[in-house]
Amino acid sequence: MYATPLGDGAELCPLEPWQAREFLDHMDRGREFIGRYVGLPDLVTDLESSRAHLQRYADRAAADTGRICGIRLDGKLVGGVLLPRLDTVQGTAEAGCWLEPAASGRGLVTRACRVLIDWAVRERGVHRVEWRVDPENTASIAVARRLGMTREGLLRGDFLYRGVRRDTEVWSVLAPEWQGV
C-alpha cells in the first residue's frame, strides 16, 4: 500500500475492497453528517454494500475511469476524495469528497483534492475537472474556491436526493489554470 502525506498526521491512500469493514465503520461514525449533502451513506449500509461500493471503484481504477482514496488522520479513516468520472479520451473528470464531522475544519479535503486533481491533470492529461455541489453545502463550495475553481452556473432541480429535488452548482478548473496554482 502507498500513501501520500498531507501534513499534520494526515495522509491520502487508496481505498480497496479488502477495507470494506473499516469503510463501513467510518460511514457509521459520520453517517448523518456526511449524508446531509452526499448520498454515500445511503449506498454503504452494511458490509456487503461497503465491499460492493469499493469494488466498483476498484473496477473503475482498473479501467482508468475513476478513483477513490481515503483520508487518514493519525492512521484512522476520516474521509475521502474521489473521481466518480474520469474520461482520459475527452480529458474530463469530476471530483468529489466527504468527511467525518470530527475531522472537519482542518483543510484535509482541500489538501487531498489538490493531490488528486494534480494527479488527474499532470499524470492522466485531464483538461477539465468539475466539482458539483448542492448550493447549501457551503463547506464544499469553500473547497472549490480554495482549489481555484470557477463557478459556472446552477442546474435547477436536476438532482433527486432523498425524495426532494435539489439544485446543483457546477464549478470547474481547467488544466492551464491549474498549472498556475
N, C-alpha and C. Protein backbone atom coordinates (compact mmCIF):
# COMPACT_ATOMS: atom_id res chain seq x y z
N MET A 1 0.84 -1.18 0.00
CA MET A 1 0.00 0.00 0.00
C MET A 1 0.89 1.24 0.00
N TYR A 2 0.42 2.29 -0.63
CA TYR A 2 1.16 3.53 -0.64
C TYR A 2 0.28 4.63 -0.07
N ALA A 3 0.94 5.69 0.40
CA ALA A 3 0.22 6.83 0.96
C ALA A 3 0.95 8.10 0.59
N THR A 4 0.18 9.17 0.43
CA THR A 4 0.74 10.48 0.17
C THR A 4 0.52 11.34 1.41
N PRO A 5 1.59 11.82 2.03
CA PRO A 5 1.42 12.66 3.22
C PRO A 5 0.69 13.96 2.88
N LEU A 6 -0.23 14.34 3.77
CA LEU A 6 -0.97 15.60 3.62
C LEU A 6 -0.57 16.61 4.69
N GLY A 7 0.31 16.20 5.60
CA GLY A 7 0.73 17.06 6.70
C GLY A 7 -0.15 16.90 7.92
N ASP A 8 0.36 17.29 9.07
CA ASP A 8 -0.39 17.27 10.33
C ASP A 8 -0.93 15.88 10.68
N GLY A 9 -0.17 14.83 10.38
CA GLY A 9 -0.59 13.47 10.71
C GLY A 9 -1.61 12.88 9.76
N ALA A 10 -1.86 13.53 8.64
CA ALA A 10 -2.85 13.05 7.68
C ALA A 10 -2.15 12.50 6.43
N GLU A 11 -2.82 11.57 5.78
CA GLU A 11 -2.31 11.01 4.54
C GLU A 11 -3.47 10.59 3.65
N LEU A 12 -3.18 10.53 2.36
CA LEU A 12 -4.15 10.12 1.35
C LEU A 12 -3.70 8.78 0.81
N CYS A 13 -4.62 7.80 0.77
CA CYS A 13 -4.25 6.49 0.27
C CYS A 13 -5.46 5.84 -0.41
N PRO A 14 -5.21 4.87 -1.29
CA PRO A 14 -6.32 4.24 -1.99
C PRO A 14 -7.25 3.51 -1.01
N LEU A 15 -8.51 3.43 -1.38
CA LEU A 15 -9.47 2.60 -0.66
C LEU A 15 -9.75 1.39 -1.53
N GLU A 16 -9.65 0.21 -0.95
CA GLU A 16 -9.79 -1.02 -1.71
C GLU A 16 -10.82 -1.93 -1.06
N PRO A 17 -11.37 -2.88 -1.83
CA PRO A 17 -12.44 -3.73 -1.31
C PRO A 17 -12.11 -4.45 -0.01
N TRP A 18 -10.85 -4.83 0.20
CA TRP A 18 -10.49 -5.53 1.43
C TRP A 18 -10.63 -4.65 2.67
N GLN A 19 -10.83 -3.34 2.47
CA GLN A 19 -11.01 -2.40 3.58
C GLN A 19 -12.49 -2.11 3.85
N ALA A 20 -13.37 -2.98 3.38
CA ALA A 20 -14.81 -2.75 3.48
C ALA A 20 -15.29 -2.57 4.92
N ARG A 21 -14.78 -3.33 5.86
CA ARG A 21 -15.21 -3.20 7.25
C ARG A 21 -14.83 -1.82 7.80
N GLU A 22 -13.62 -1.41 7.57
CA GLU A 22 -13.16 -0.10 8.04
C GLU A 22 -13.97 1.02 7.38
N PHE A 23 -14.25 0.87 6.09
CA PHE A 23 -15.04 1.87 5.36
C PHE A 23 -16.45 1.96 5.93
N LEU A 24 -17.06 0.81 6.21
CA LEU A 24 -18.40 0.79 6.81
C LEU A 24 -18.38 1.44 8.20
N ASP A 25 -17.40 1.11 9.01
CA ASP A 25 -17.30 1.72 10.35
C ASP A 25 -17.16 3.23 10.24
N HIS A 26 -16.38 3.68 9.29
CA HIS A 26 -16.22 5.12 9.04
C HIS A 26 -17.55 5.75 8.64
N MET A 27 -18.28 5.10 7.74
CA MET A 27 -19.60 5.62 7.33
C MET A 27 -20.54 5.69 8.53
N ASP A 28 -20.51 4.67 9.36
CA ASP A 28 -21.38 4.65 10.54
C ASP A 28 -21.06 5.81 11.48
N ARG A 29 -19.79 6.15 11.64
CA ARG A 29 -19.40 7.27 12.51
C ARG A 29 -19.90 8.61 11.96
N GLY A 30 -19.91 8.75 10.64
CA GLY A 30 -20.25 10.04 10.05
C GLY A 30 -21.53 10.05 9.25
N ARG A 31 -22.33 9.00 9.37
CA ARG A 31 -23.50 8.81 8.50
C ARG A 31 -24.40 10.04 8.40
N GLU A 32 -24.82 10.59 9.50
CA GLU A 32 -25.75 11.73 9.47
C GLU A 32 -25.08 12.98 8.89
N PHE A 33 -23.87 13.26 9.33
CA PHE A 33 -23.14 14.45 8.88
C PHE A 33 -22.83 14.36 7.39
N ILE A 34 -22.28 13.24 6.96
CA ILE A 34 -21.92 13.05 5.55
C ILE A 34 -23.17 13.07 4.68
N GLY A 35 -24.25 12.46 5.15
CA GLY A 35 -25.46 12.31 4.37
C GLY A 35 -26.27 13.57 4.19
N ARG A 36 -25.88 14.66 4.81
CA ARG A 36 -26.61 15.91 4.59
C ARG A 36 -26.62 16.30 3.12
N TYR A 37 -25.51 16.09 2.42
CA TYR A 37 -25.39 16.50 1.02
C TYR A 37 -24.88 15.41 0.09
N VAL A 38 -24.38 14.33 0.65
CA VAL A 38 -23.73 13.28 -0.14
C VAL A 38 -24.49 11.97 0.06
N GLY A 39 -24.78 11.27 -1.02
CA GLY A 39 -25.55 10.04 -0.95
C GLY A 39 -24.78 8.81 -0.53
N LEU A 40 -23.50 8.93 -0.30
CA LEU A 40 -22.66 7.78 0.06
C LEU A 40 -23.19 6.97 1.24
N PRO A 41 -23.64 7.59 2.33
CA PRO A 41 -24.15 6.80 3.44
C PRO A 41 -25.40 5.99 3.09
N ASP A 42 -26.15 6.41 2.09
CA ASP A 42 -27.32 5.66 1.65
C ASP A 42 -26.91 4.44 0.82
N LEU A 43 -25.73 4.48 0.23
CA LEU A 43 -25.23 3.37 -0.58
C LEU A 43 -24.47 2.34 0.25
N VAL A 44 -23.82 2.80 1.31
CA VAL A 44 -22.97 1.94 2.15
C VAL A 44 -23.69 1.74 3.48
N THR A 45 -24.46 0.66 3.56
CA THR A 45 -25.30 0.43 4.73
C THR A 45 -24.94 -0.83 5.51
N ASP A 46 -24.19 -1.73 4.89
CA ASP A 46 -23.77 -2.97 5.54
C ASP A 46 -22.45 -3.41 4.90
N LEU A 47 -21.90 -4.50 5.39
CA LEU A 47 -20.60 -4.95 4.89
C LEU A 47 -20.64 -5.30 3.40
N GLU A 48 -21.71 -5.93 2.96
CA GLU A 48 -21.82 -6.29 1.55
C GLU A 48 -21.85 -5.06 0.65
N SER A 49 -22.65 -4.06 1.01
CA SER A 49 -22.73 -2.86 0.18
C SER A 49 -21.44 -2.05 0.25
N SER A 50 -20.77 -2.10 1.38
CA SER A 50 -19.48 -1.41 1.51
C SER A 50 -18.45 -2.04 0.58
N ARG A 51 -18.38 -3.35 0.60
CA ARG A 51 -17.44 -4.07 -0.27
C ARG A 51 -17.79 -3.82 -1.74
N ALA A 52 -19.08 -3.86 -2.08
CA ALA A 52 -19.51 -3.66 -3.46
C ALA A 52 -19.15 -2.25 -3.95
N HIS A 53 -19.34 -1.26 -3.08
CA HIS A 53 -19.01 0.12 -3.47
C HIS A 53 -17.51 0.24 -3.75
N LEU A 54 -16.69 -0.28 -2.86
CA LEU A 54 -15.24 -0.20 -3.07
C LEU A 54 -14.82 -1.03 -4.28
N GLN A 55 -15.51 -2.14 -4.54
CA GLN A 55 -15.19 -2.95 -5.72
C GLN A 55 -15.51 -2.19 -7.00
N ARG A 56 -16.63 -1.45 -7.02
CA ARG A 56 -16.96 -0.64 -8.21
C ARG A 56 -15.83 0.34 -8.51
N TYR A 57 -15.27 0.93 -7.47
CA TYR A 57 -14.17 1.87 -7.69
C TYR A 57 -12.88 1.15 -8.05
N ALA A 58 -12.67 -0.04 -7.54
CA ALA A 58 -11.50 -0.83 -7.96
C ALA A 58 -11.62 -1.15 -9.45
N ASP A 59 -12.84 -1.48 -9.89
CA ASP A 59 -13.06 -1.75 -11.30
C ASP A 59 -12.86 -0.48 -12.14
N ARG A 60 -13.32 0.66 -11.64
CA ARG A 60 -13.10 1.93 -12.35
C ARG A 60 -11.61 2.25 -12.43
N ALA A 61 -10.90 2.03 -11.34
CA ALA A 61 -9.45 2.29 -11.37
C ALA A 61 -8.77 1.40 -12.40
N ALA A 62 -9.17 0.12 -12.45
CA ALA A 62 -8.59 -0.81 -13.42
C ALA A 62 -8.91 -0.39 -14.85
N ALA A 63 -10.09 0.20 -15.05
CA ALA A 63 -10.49 0.66 -16.38
C ALA A 63 -10.06 2.10 -16.65
N ASP A 64 -9.42 2.73 -15.67
CA ASP A 64 -8.97 4.12 -15.76
C ASP A 64 -10.15 5.07 -16.00
N THR A 65 -11.27 4.82 -15.29
CA THR A 65 -12.45 5.66 -15.42
C THR A 65 -12.89 6.28 -14.09
N GLY A 66 -12.12 6.09 -13.03
CA GLY A 66 -12.45 6.67 -11.74
C GLY A 66 -11.46 6.25 -10.68
N ARG A 67 -11.52 6.92 -9.53
CA ARG A 67 -10.63 6.62 -8.40
C ARG A 67 -11.34 6.96 -7.11
N ILE A 68 -10.97 6.28 -6.03
CA ILE A 68 -11.43 6.62 -4.69
C ILE A 68 -10.25 6.48 -3.75
N CYS A 69 -10.06 7.48 -2.90
CA CYS A 69 -8.96 7.49 -1.95
C CYS A 69 -9.48 7.89 -0.57
N GLY A 70 -8.89 7.32 0.44
CA GLY A 70 -9.26 7.65 1.81
C GLY A 70 -8.33 8.69 2.40
N ILE A 71 -8.89 9.50 3.26
CA ILE A 71 -8.10 10.44 4.05
C ILE A 71 -7.97 9.83 5.44
N ARG A 72 -6.74 9.62 5.86
CA ARG A 72 -6.47 9.08 7.19
C ARG A 72 -5.84 10.17 8.05
N LEU A 73 -6.29 10.24 9.28
CA LEU A 73 -5.73 11.17 10.25
C LEU A 73 -5.22 10.34 11.41
N ASP A 74 -3.92 10.39 11.63
CA ASP A 74 -3.27 9.55 12.64
C ASP A 74 -3.66 8.08 12.46
N GLY A 75 -3.71 7.63 11.19
CA GLY A 75 -3.98 6.24 10.86
C GLY A 75 -5.45 5.86 10.77
N LYS A 76 -6.35 6.73 11.17
CA LYS A 76 -7.78 6.43 11.19
C LYS A 76 -8.46 7.03 9.96
N LEU A 77 -9.28 6.23 9.28
CA LEU A 77 -10.02 6.70 8.12
C LEU A 77 -11.07 7.71 8.58
N VAL A 78 -10.98 8.95 8.05
CA VAL A 78 -11.90 10.02 8.46
C VAL A 78 -12.63 10.68 7.29
N GLY A 79 -12.30 10.29 6.07
CA GLY A 79 -12.95 10.91 4.91
C GLY A 79 -12.34 10.39 3.63
N GLY A 80 -12.67 11.07 2.56
CA GLY A 80 -12.12 10.64 1.29
C GLY A 80 -12.39 11.62 0.17
N VAL A 81 -11.70 11.38 -0.92
CA VAL A 81 -11.89 12.13 -2.16
C VAL A 81 -11.99 11.12 -3.29
N LEU A 82 -12.64 11.52 -4.36
CA LEU A 82 -12.84 10.58 -5.43
C LEU A 82 -12.99 11.30 -6.77
N LEU A 83 -12.78 10.52 -7.79
CA LEU A 83 -13.10 10.91 -9.16
C LEU A 83 -14.17 9.94 -9.59
N PRO A 84 -15.46 10.30 -9.42
CA PRO A 84 -16.51 9.37 -9.83
C PRO A 84 -16.59 9.23 -11.35
N ARG A 85 -16.02 10.21 -12.04
CA ARG A 85 -15.99 10.18 -13.50
C ARG A 85 -14.62 10.64 -13.95
N LEU A 86 -13.97 9.83 -14.76
CA LEU A 86 -12.66 10.15 -15.33
C LEU A 86 -12.67 9.67 -16.78
N ASP A 87 -12.54 10.61 -17.70
CA ASP A 87 -12.56 10.29 -19.13
C ASP A 87 -11.28 10.87 -19.73
N THR A 88 -10.27 10.02 -19.86
CA THR A 88 -8.98 10.49 -20.35
C THR A 88 -9.01 10.77 -21.85
N VAL A 89 -9.94 10.18 -22.58
CA VAL A 89 -10.06 10.46 -24.01
C VAL A 89 -10.55 11.90 -24.21
N GLN A 90 -11.60 12.27 -23.48
CA GLN A 90 -12.14 13.64 -23.56
C GLN A 90 -11.36 14.61 -22.70
N GLY A 91 -10.57 14.09 -21.76
CA GLY A 91 -9.79 14.95 -20.87
C GLY A 91 -10.65 15.63 -19.82
N THR A 92 -11.66 14.91 -19.32
CA THR A 92 -12.56 15.49 -18.32
C THR A 92 -12.66 14.57 -17.11
N ALA A 93 -12.96 15.18 -15.98
CA ALA A 93 -13.15 14.41 -14.74
C ALA A 93 -14.07 15.20 -13.83
N GLU A 94 -14.65 14.49 -12.89
CA GLU A 94 -15.43 15.11 -11.82
C GLU A 94 -14.79 14.69 -10.51
N ALA A 95 -14.59 15.63 -9.62
CA ALA A 95 -14.01 15.35 -8.31
C ALA A 95 -15.07 15.53 -7.23
N GLY A 96 -14.93 14.82 -6.14
CA GLY A 96 -15.85 14.94 -5.02
C GLY A 96 -15.16 14.57 -3.73
N CYS A 97 -15.90 14.71 -2.62
CA CYS A 97 -15.29 14.47 -1.31
C CYS A 97 -16.35 14.17 -0.26
N TRP A 98 -15.92 13.71 0.89
CA TRP A 98 -16.74 13.57 2.08
C TRP A 98 -15.80 13.54 3.28
N LEU A 99 -16.35 13.80 4.46
CA LEU A 99 -15.52 13.88 5.66
C LEU A 99 -16.38 13.66 6.90
N GLU A 100 -15.82 12.97 7.88
CA GLU A 100 -16.48 12.83 9.18
C GLU A 100 -16.47 14.18 9.89
N PRO A 101 -17.46 14.42 10.76
CA PRO A 101 -17.51 15.72 11.44
C PRO A 101 -16.28 15.99 12.32
N ALA A 102 -15.73 14.98 12.95
CA ALA A 102 -14.59 15.18 13.84
C ALA A 102 -13.35 15.66 13.11
N ALA A 103 -13.29 15.45 11.80
CA ALA A 103 -12.11 15.83 11.02
C ALA A 103 -12.31 17.12 10.23
N SER A 104 -13.48 17.71 10.31
CA SER A 104 -13.75 18.90 9.50
C SER A 104 -13.03 20.12 10.06
N GLY A 105 -12.85 21.10 9.18
CA GLY A 105 -12.22 22.36 9.59
C GLY A 105 -10.71 22.33 9.68
N ARG A 106 -10.07 21.30 9.16
CA ARG A 106 -8.60 21.18 9.23
C ARG A 106 -7.92 21.35 7.87
N GLY A 107 -8.72 21.54 6.83
CA GLY A 107 -8.15 21.67 5.49
C GLY A 107 -7.79 20.35 4.84
N LEU A 108 -8.23 19.24 5.42
CA LEU A 108 -7.86 17.93 4.89
C LEU A 108 -8.41 17.68 3.49
N VAL A 109 -9.67 18.05 3.27
CA VAL A 109 -10.28 17.82 1.96
C VAL A 109 -9.58 18.64 0.89
N THR A 110 -9.30 19.90 1.20
CA THR A 110 -8.62 20.75 0.21
C THR A 110 -7.26 20.17 -0.15
N ARG A 111 -6.49 19.76 0.85
CA ARG A 111 -5.16 19.18 0.58
C ARG A 111 -5.27 17.88 -0.20
N ALA A 112 -6.23 17.04 0.16
CA ALA A 112 -6.40 15.76 -0.54
C ALA A 112 -6.86 15.99 -1.98
N CYS A 113 -7.78 16.92 -2.17
CA CYS A 113 -8.24 17.22 -3.53
C CYS A 113 -7.11 17.77 -4.40
N ARG A 114 -6.25 18.57 -3.81
CA ARG A 114 -5.10 19.08 -4.58
C ARG A 114 -4.26 17.93 -5.11
N VAL A 115 -4.03 16.93 -4.29
CA VAL A 115 -3.24 15.77 -4.71
C VAL A 115 -3.94 15.03 -5.84
N LEU A 116 -5.24 14.77 -5.65
CA LEU A 116 -6.00 14.01 -6.64
C LEU A 116 -6.14 14.76 -7.96
N ILE A 117 -6.46 16.05 -7.90
CA ILE A 117 -6.61 16.84 -9.12
C ILE A 117 -5.26 17.00 -9.82
N ASP A 118 -4.22 17.21 -9.05
CA ASP A 118 -2.89 17.33 -9.64
C ASP A 118 -2.52 16.04 -10.40
N TRP A 119 -2.83 14.91 -9.80
CA TRP A 119 -2.59 13.62 -10.47
C TRP A 119 -3.39 13.54 -11.77
N ALA A 120 -4.67 13.90 -11.71
CA ALA A 120 -5.53 13.82 -12.90
C ALA A 120 -5.00 14.72 -14.02
N VAL A 121 -4.59 15.93 -13.68
CA VAL A 121 -4.13 16.88 -14.68
C VAL A 121 -2.74 16.50 -15.19
N ARG A 122 -1.82 16.26 -14.28
CA ARG A 122 -0.42 16.04 -14.70
C ARG A 122 -0.14 14.63 -15.20
N GLU A 123 -0.75 13.63 -14.56
CA GLU A 123 -0.45 12.24 -14.93
C GLU A 123 -1.41 11.67 -15.97
N ARG A 124 -2.68 12.06 -15.89
CA ARG A 124 -3.68 11.48 -16.79
C ARG A 124 -4.10 12.43 -17.91
N GLY A 125 -3.56 13.63 -17.93
CA GLY A 125 -3.83 14.55 -19.03
C GLY A 125 -5.21 15.16 -19.04
N VAL A 126 -5.85 15.22 -17.89
CA VAL A 126 -7.19 15.80 -17.82
C VAL A 126 -7.10 17.31 -18.03
N HIS A 127 -7.98 17.83 -18.85
CA HIS A 127 -8.02 19.26 -19.15
C HIS A 127 -9.02 20.00 -18.26
N ARG A 128 -10.10 19.33 -17.88
CA ARG A 128 -11.17 19.98 -17.12
C ARG A 128 -11.60 19.08 -15.96
N VAL A 129 -11.60 19.65 -14.76
CA VAL A 129 -12.09 18.94 -13.58
C VAL A 129 -13.30 19.69 -13.06
N GLU A 130 -14.42 18.98 -12.96
CA GLU A 130 -15.67 19.57 -12.45
C GLU A 130 -15.86 19.26 -10.98
N TRP A 131 -16.59 20.14 -10.33
CA TRP A 131 -16.98 19.98 -8.93
C TRP A 131 -18.47 20.30 -8.88
N ARG A 132 -19.30 19.33 -8.54
CA ARG A 132 -20.75 19.52 -8.47
C ARG A 132 -21.16 19.52 -7.01
N VAL A 133 -21.95 20.53 -6.63
CA VAL A 133 -22.21 20.73 -5.20
C VAL A 133 -23.61 21.31 -4.98
N ASP A 134 -24.24 20.87 -3.92
CA ASP A 134 -25.50 21.47 -3.50
C ASP A 134 -25.22 22.91 -3.07
N PRO A 135 -25.99 23.89 -3.52
CA PRO A 135 -25.75 25.29 -3.17
C PRO A 135 -25.76 25.56 -1.67
N GLU A 136 -26.38 24.68 -0.89
CA GLU A 136 -26.40 24.86 0.57
C GLU A 136 -25.16 24.29 1.25
N ASN A 137 -24.35 23.56 0.50
CA ASN A 137 -23.15 22.95 1.07
C ASN A 137 -21.99 23.95 1.02
N THR A 138 -22.02 24.90 1.92
CA THR A 138 -21.05 25.99 1.90
C THR A 138 -19.62 25.52 2.14
N ALA A 139 -19.44 24.45 2.90
CA ALA A 139 -18.08 23.94 3.13
C ALA A 139 -17.48 23.42 1.82
N SER A 140 -18.27 22.71 1.03
CA SER A 140 -17.79 22.18 -0.24
C SER A 140 -17.54 23.30 -1.25
N ILE A 141 -18.38 24.31 -1.23
CA ILE A 141 -18.16 25.47 -2.10
C ILE A 141 -16.87 26.18 -1.73
N ALA A 142 -16.58 26.26 -0.43
CA ALA A 142 -15.33 26.87 0.01
C ALA A 142 -14.12 26.07 -0.49
N VAL A 143 -14.24 24.75 -0.53
CA VAL A 143 -13.15 23.92 -1.07
C VAL A 143 -12.96 24.25 -2.55
N ALA A 144 -14.04 24.31 -3.30
CA ALA A 144 -13.95 24.64 -4.74
C ALA A 144 -13.22 25.97 -4.93
N ARG A 145 -13.55 26.95 -4.12
CA ARG A 145 -12.87 28.26 -4.22
C ARG A 145 -11.38 28.13 -3.90
N ARG A 146 -11.06 27.41 -2.82
CA ARG A 146 -9.65 27.25 -2.44
C ARG A 146 -8.85 26.51 -3.51
N LEU A 147 -9.55 25.67 -4.28
CA LEU A 147 -8.88 24.93 -5.36
C LEU A 147 -8.75 25.76 -6.63
N GLY A 148 -9.22 26.99 -6.59
CA GLY A 148 -9.09 27.87 -7.75
C GLY A 148 -10.14 27.61 -8.82
N MET A 149 -11.23 26.98 -8.44
CA MET A 149 -12.29 26.68 -9.40
C MET A 149 -13.16 27.91 -9.65
N THR A 150 -13.81 27.89 -10.80
CA THR A 150 -14.73 28.95 -11.21
C THR A 150 -16.15 28.39 -11.18
N ARG A 151 -17.06 29.17 -10.61
CA ARG A 151 -18.48 28.78 -10.61
C ARG A 151 -19.02 29.04 -12.02
N GLU A 152 -19.55 27.99 -12.63
CA GLU A 152 -20.05 28.10 -14.00
C GLU A 152 -21.54 28.30 -14.07
N GLY A 153 -22.26 27.84 -13.07
CA GLY A 153 -23.69 28.01 -13.13
C GLY A 153 -24.44 27.11 -12.18
N LEU A 154 -25.76 27.18 -12.31
CA LEU A 154 -26.67 26.44 -11.45
C LEU A 154 -27.57 25.56 -12.31
N LEU A 155 -27.62 24.29 -11.98
CA LEU A 155 -28.54 23.37 -12.63
C LEU A 155 -29.74 23.25 -11.70
N ARG A 156 -30.84 23.86 -12.10
CA ARG A 156 -32.01 23.93 -11.24
C ARG A 156 -32.77 22.60 -11.21
N GLY A 157 -33.03 22.13 -10.00
CA GLY A 157 -33.84 20.93 -9.81
C GLY A 157 -33.36 19.70 -10.54
N ASP A 158 -32.05 19.56 -10.73
CA ASP A 158 -31.56 18.46 -11.55
C ASP A 158 -31.28 17.18 -10.77
N PHE A 159 -31.35 17.21 -9.46
CA PHE A 159 -30.92 16.06 -8.67
C PHE A 159 -31.97 15.70 -7.63
N LEU A 160 -32.45 14.47 -7.69
CA LEU A 160 -33.40 13.98 -6.71
C LEU A 160 -32.62 13.35 -5.57
N TYR A 161 -32.71 13.94 -4.39
CA TYR A 161 -31.97 13.44 -3.23
C TYR A 161 -32.92 13.22 -2.07
N ARG A 162 -33.05 11.97 -1.70
CA ARG A 162 -33.93 11.58 -0.60
C ARG A 162 -35.34 12.12 -0.80
N GLY A 163 -35.81 12.01 -2.04
CA GLY A 163 -37.18 12.38 -2.38
C GLY A 163 -37.42 13.86 -2.62
N VAL A 164 -36.37 14.67 -2.58
CA VAL A 164 -36.51 16.12 -2.76
C VAL A 164 -35.66 16.55 -3.95
N ARG A 165 -36.22 17.36 -4.83
CA ARG A 165 -35.47 17.92 -5.96
C ARG A 165 -34.49 18.96 -5.44
N ARG A 166 -33.24 18.82 -5.82
CA ARG A 166 -32.18 19.72 -5.37
C ARG A 166 -31.52 20.38 -6.58
N ASP A 167 -31.01 21.58 -6.36
CA ASP A 167 -30.20 22.26 -7.37
C ASP A 167 -28.75 21.78 -7.24
N THR A 168 -27.98 22.00 -8.29
CA THR A 168 -26.56 21.68 -8.28
C THR A 168 -25.79 22.86 -8.86
N GLU A 169 -24.80 23.33 -8.12
CA GLU A 169 -23.85 24.30 -8.67
C GLU A 169 -22.74 23.52 -9.36
N VAL A 170 -22.28 24.03 -10.49
CA VAL A 170 -21.17 23.42 -11.21
C VAL A 170 -19.99 24.39 -11.15
N TRP A 171 -18.88 23.88 -10.66
CA TRP A 171 -17.61 24.61 -10.60
C TRP A 171 -16.61 23.81 -11.42
N SER A 172 -15.56 24.46 -11.90
CA SER A 172 -14.53 23.72 -12.62
C SER A 172 -13.21 24.46 -12.58
N VAL A 173 -12.17 23.70 -12.89
CA VAL A 173 -10.84 24.26 -13.11
C VAL A 173 -10.28 23.59 -14.35
N LEU A 174 -9.63 24.38 -15.20
CA LEU A 174 -9.02 23.88 -16.42
C LEU A 174 -7.53 23.69 -16.21
N ALA A 175 -6.94 22.78 -16.94
CA ALA A 175 -5.51 22.48 -16.79
C ALA A 175 -4.62 23.72 -16.84
N PRO A 176 -4.81 24.66 -17.78
CA PRO A 176 -3.93 25.82 -17.79
C PRO A 176 -4.06 26.67 -16.53
N GLU A 177 -5.25 26.71 -15.94
CA GLU A 177 -5.45 27.42 -14.69
C GLU A 177 -4.79 26.66 -13.54
N TRP A 178 -4.90 25.33 -13.57
CA TRP A 178 -4.33 24.51 -12.52
C TRP A 178 -2.81 24.61 -12.52
N GLN A 179 -2.23 24.67 -13.69
CA GLN A 179 -0.78 24.76 -13.78
C GLN A 179 -0.26 25.98 -13.04
N GLY A 180 -1.10 27.03 -12.97
CA GLY A 180 -0.68 28.26 -12.30
C GLY A 180 -0.90 28.25 -10.80
N VAL A 181 -1.54 27.19 -10.28
CA VAL A 181 -1.84 27.14 -8.84
C VAL A 181 -0.61 26.78 -8.06
